[in-house]
Amino acid sequence: MSFVAARGLSLLSKSVARSCTRTLKSSPPIQAWKVGKVNHIAIAVPDLEKATSLYRDVLGARVSDQQPLPDHGVNTVFVELGDTKIELLNPLGDKSPIQNFLDKNKAGGMHHICIEVDNIKEAMKDLKSRNIRCLTEDAKIGAHGKLVVFLHPKDCNGVLLELEEA
């Protein structure tokens, strides 16, 4: 191989190496947590019994018993649909965030989407570093007995997201 060809090959390999290094530097860092599947879609309803009846008696879905969650200000019923669920939400107490939602949406409507994560504390720390606000400082125990946290809808394309530790 001539000197010119060898020099050209050397410059080319250095260029490829620089390019690969740039690509690696711009790749996102490896996260200490992973996102999972959609756990449930939550619907705020003004009449929990009527909504439960629709899913159970009309559509034939399996539904849970009503469960009060005082820490979250809601009564919940879960509708099982294969590998996902719908959560029916109804206000519990005067300061319920669901009552605020129903005051603005009299007929009810979609309230939030719940996504599973494998490590909620790491997810919260990472999301905070990316300027995604959590609505509470700490995760709380949710309807499934697992830690949950809600993310600010203004930081999530207008959607209230709930993270649940799987």
Protein backbone atom coordinates (compact mmCIF):
# COMPACT_ATOMS: atom_id res chain seq x y z
CA MET A 1 0.00 0.00 0.00
CA SER A 2 1.34 3.42 -0.86
CA PHE A 3 2.05 6.08 1.72
CA VAL A 4 -0.80 8.25 0.37
CA ALA A 5 -3.29 5.37 0.55
CA ALA A 6 -2.16 4.43 4.08
CA ARG A 7 -2.42 8.07 5.19
CA GLY A 8 -5.92 8.31 3.68
CA LEU A 9 -7.02 5.11 5.44
CA SER A 10 -5.64 6.40 8.73
CA LEU A 11 -7.53 9.70 8.38
CA LEU A 12 -10.70 7.84 7.43
CA SER A 13 -10.50 5.55 10.47
CA LYS A 14 -9.92 8.56 12.75
CA SER A 15 -12.94 10.27 11.21
CA VAL A 16 -15.12 7.18 11.77
CA ALA A 17 -13.89 6.92 15.36
CA ARG A 18 -14.73 10.61 15.99
CA SER A 19 -18.16 10.11 14.43
CA CYS A 20 -18.84 7.06 16.61
CA THR A 21 -17.66 8.93 19.69
CA ARG A 22 -20.02 11.82 18.88
CA THR A 23 -22.89 9.37 18.42
CA LEU A 24 -22.17 7.70 21.75
CA LYS A 25 -21.95 11.02 23.56
CA SER A 26 -25.34 12.14 22.25
CA SER A 27 -27.10 8.87 23.16
CA PRO A 28 -29.37 9.12 26.21
CA PRO A 29 -27.84 7.88 29.46
CA ILE A 30 -28.83 4.46 30.73
CA GLN A 31 -31.71 4.91 33.18
CA ALA A 32 -31.86 3.30 36.59
CA TRP A 33 -35.55 2.53 35.95
CA LYS A 34 -37.68 1.14 33.14
CA VAL A 35 -41.17 1.96 31.94
CA GLY A 36 -43.64 -0.91 31.62
CA LYS A 37 -47.15 -1.41 30.30
CA VAL A 38 -50.29 0.65 30.70
CA ASN A 39 -51.81 -0.55 33.96
CA HIS A 40 -55.14 1.25 33.69
CA ILE A 41 -57.05 4.17 32.27
CA ALA A 42 -59.01 6.12 34.88
CA ILE A 43 -62.43 7.62 34.25
CA ALA A 44 -64.05 10.07 36.67
CA VAL A 45 -67.77 9.35 37.03
CA PRO A 46 -70.51 11.31 38.81
CA ASP A 47 -72.44 8.11 39.69
CA LEU A 48 -70.21 5.16 40.62
CA GLU A 49 -73.07 2.65 40.89
CA LYS A 50 -74.44 3.56 37.45
CA ALA A 51 -70.99 3.39 35.85
CA THR A 52 -70.22 0.05 37.54
CA SER A 53 -73.54 -1.33 36.29
CA LEU A 54 -72.71 -0.35 32.70
CA TYR A 55 -69.48 -2.33 32.69
CA ARG A 56 -70.74 -5.27 34.78
CA ASP A 57 -74.40 -5.69 33.77
CA VAL A 58 -74.47 -4.32 30.21
CA LEU A 59 -70.98 -5.13 28.90
CA GLY A 60 -70.42 -8.25 31.02
CA ALA A 61 -67.01 -7.23 32.37
CA ARG A 62 -65.65 -8.37 35.70
CA VAL A 63 -65.59 -5.52 38.23
CA SER A 64 -64.10 -5.17 41.68
CA ASP A 65 -65.87 -4.10 44.82
CA GLN A 66 -65.85 -0.40 45.56
CA GLN A 67 -62.69 0.63 47.43
CA PRO A 68 -62.36 3.92 49.32
CA LEU A 69 -58.91 5.55 49.18
CA PRO A 70 -59.03 8.41 51.72
CA ASP A 71 -55.39 9.42 51.09
CA HIS A 72 -56.31 10.12 47.46
CA GLY A 73 -59.85 11.43 48.08
CA VAL A 74 -61.53 8.83 45.85
CA ASN A 75 -63.70 5.77 45.74
CA THR A 76 -62.55 3.34 43.06
CA VAL A 77 -63.89 0.37 41.15
CA PHE A 78 -61.66 -1.57 38.75
CA VAL A 79 -63.04 -3.04 35.56
CA GLU A 80 -60.93 -5.95 34.26
CA LEU A 81 -60.41 -6.06 30.49
CA GLY A 82 -57.90 -8.77 29.65
CA ASP A 83 -54.43 -7.59 30.62
CA THR A 84 -55.49 -4.01 31.39
CA LYS A 85 -58.07 -2.27 33.52
CA ILE A 86 -60.33 0.74 33.64
CA GLU A 87 -60.49 2.50 36.99
CA LEU A 88 -63.77 4.23 37.79
CA LEU A 89 -63.23 7.19 40.13
CA ASN A 90 -65.79 8.96 42.28
CA PRO A 91 -65.19 11.71 44.86
CA LEU A 92 -64.60 10.81 48.50
CA GLY A 93 -64.83 13.83 50.78
CA ASP A 94 -65.11 17.56 50.17
CA LYS A 95 -61.49 18.08 49.09
CA SER A 96 -61.44 15.33 46.48
CA PRO A 97 -59.53 16.19 43.30
CA ILE A 98 -62.15 14.13 41.48
CA GLN A 99 -64.88 16.51 42.65
CA ASN A 100 -62.90 19.39 41.16
CA PHE A 101 -62.68 17.45 37.89
CA LEU A 102 -66.43 16.67 37.90
CA ASP A 103 -67.28 20.32 38.65
CA LYS A 104 -65.64 21.14 35.31
CA ASN A 105 -66.84 17.98 33.49
CA LYS A 106 -70.39 17.26 34.73
CA ALA A 107 -70.77 13.97 32.82
CA GLY A 108 -67.30 12.76 33.85
CA GLY A 109 -64.54 11.70 31.49
CA MET A 110 -61.04 10.34 31.18
CA HIS A 111 -59.01 11.46 34.18
CA HIS A 112 -55.56 9.84 33.86
CA ILE A 113 -53.45 7.05 32.41
CA CYS A 114 -51.44 4.81 34.73
CA ILE A 115 -48.13 3.39 33.51
CA GLU A 116 -46.07 0.82 35.37
CA VAL A 117 -42.42 1.46 36.26
CA ASP A 118 -39.97 -0.92 37.88
CA ASN A 119 -38.46 1.62 40.31
CA ILE A 120 -40.66 4.58 41.21
CA LYS A 121 -38.10 6.40 43.36
CA GLU A 122 -35.49 6.34 40.59
CA ALA A 123 -38.15 7.35 38.05
CA MET A 124 -39.16 10.34 40.21
CA LYS A 125 -35.54 11.43 40.66
CA ASP A 126 -34.79 11.10 36.94
CA LEU A 127 -37.98 12.85 35.83
CA LYS A 128 -37.35 15.72 38.26
CA SER A 129 -33.88 16.18 36.71
CA ARG A 130 -35.65 16.46 33.34
CA ASN A 131 -38.03 19.15 34.68
CA ILE A 132 -41.06 16.84 34.85
CA ARG A 133 -42.93 17.76 38.03
CA CYS A 134 -44.47 15.21 40.38
CA LEU A 135 -47.67 16.37 42.08
CA THR A 136 -46.42 15.10 45.46
CA GLU A 137 -42.97 15.06 46.99
CA ASP A 138 -43.21 11.36 47.85
CA ALA A 139 -44.96 8.39 46.27
CA LYS A 140 -48.07 7.14 48.10
CA ILE A 141 -49.70 3.74 48.38
CA GLY A 142 -52.34 3.43 45.66
CA ALA A 143 -55.38 1.24 45.01
CA HIS A 144 -53.29 -1.86 44.28
CA GLY A 145 -51.25 -1.49 47.46
CA LYS A 146 -48.25 -0.30 45.45
CA LEU A 147 -46.42 3.03 45.36
CA VAL A 148 -47.86 5.60 42.95
CA VAL A 149 -47.12 9.18 41.97
CA PHE A 150 -48.85 11.57 39.56
CA LEU A 151 -46.96 13.70 37.04
CA HIS A 152 -48.04 17.25 36.25
CA PRO A 153 -50.16 17.31 33.07
CA LYS A 154 -48.53 20.56 31.92
CA ASP A 155 -45.25 18.64 31.69
CA CYS A 156 -46.84 15.61 29.97
CA ASN A 157 -48.59 17.00 26.90
CA GLY A 158 -51.76 17.84 28.82
CA VAL A 159 -52.23 14.31 30.17
CA LEU A 160 -52.26 13.46 33.87
CA LEU A 161 -49.94 10.45 34.16
CA GLU A 162 -49.81 8.14 37.15
CA LEU A 163 -46.74 5.99 37.66
CA GLU A 164 -47.22 2.77 39.60
CA GLU A 165 -44.35 0.63 40.79
CA ALA A 166 -44.79 -2.85 39.30
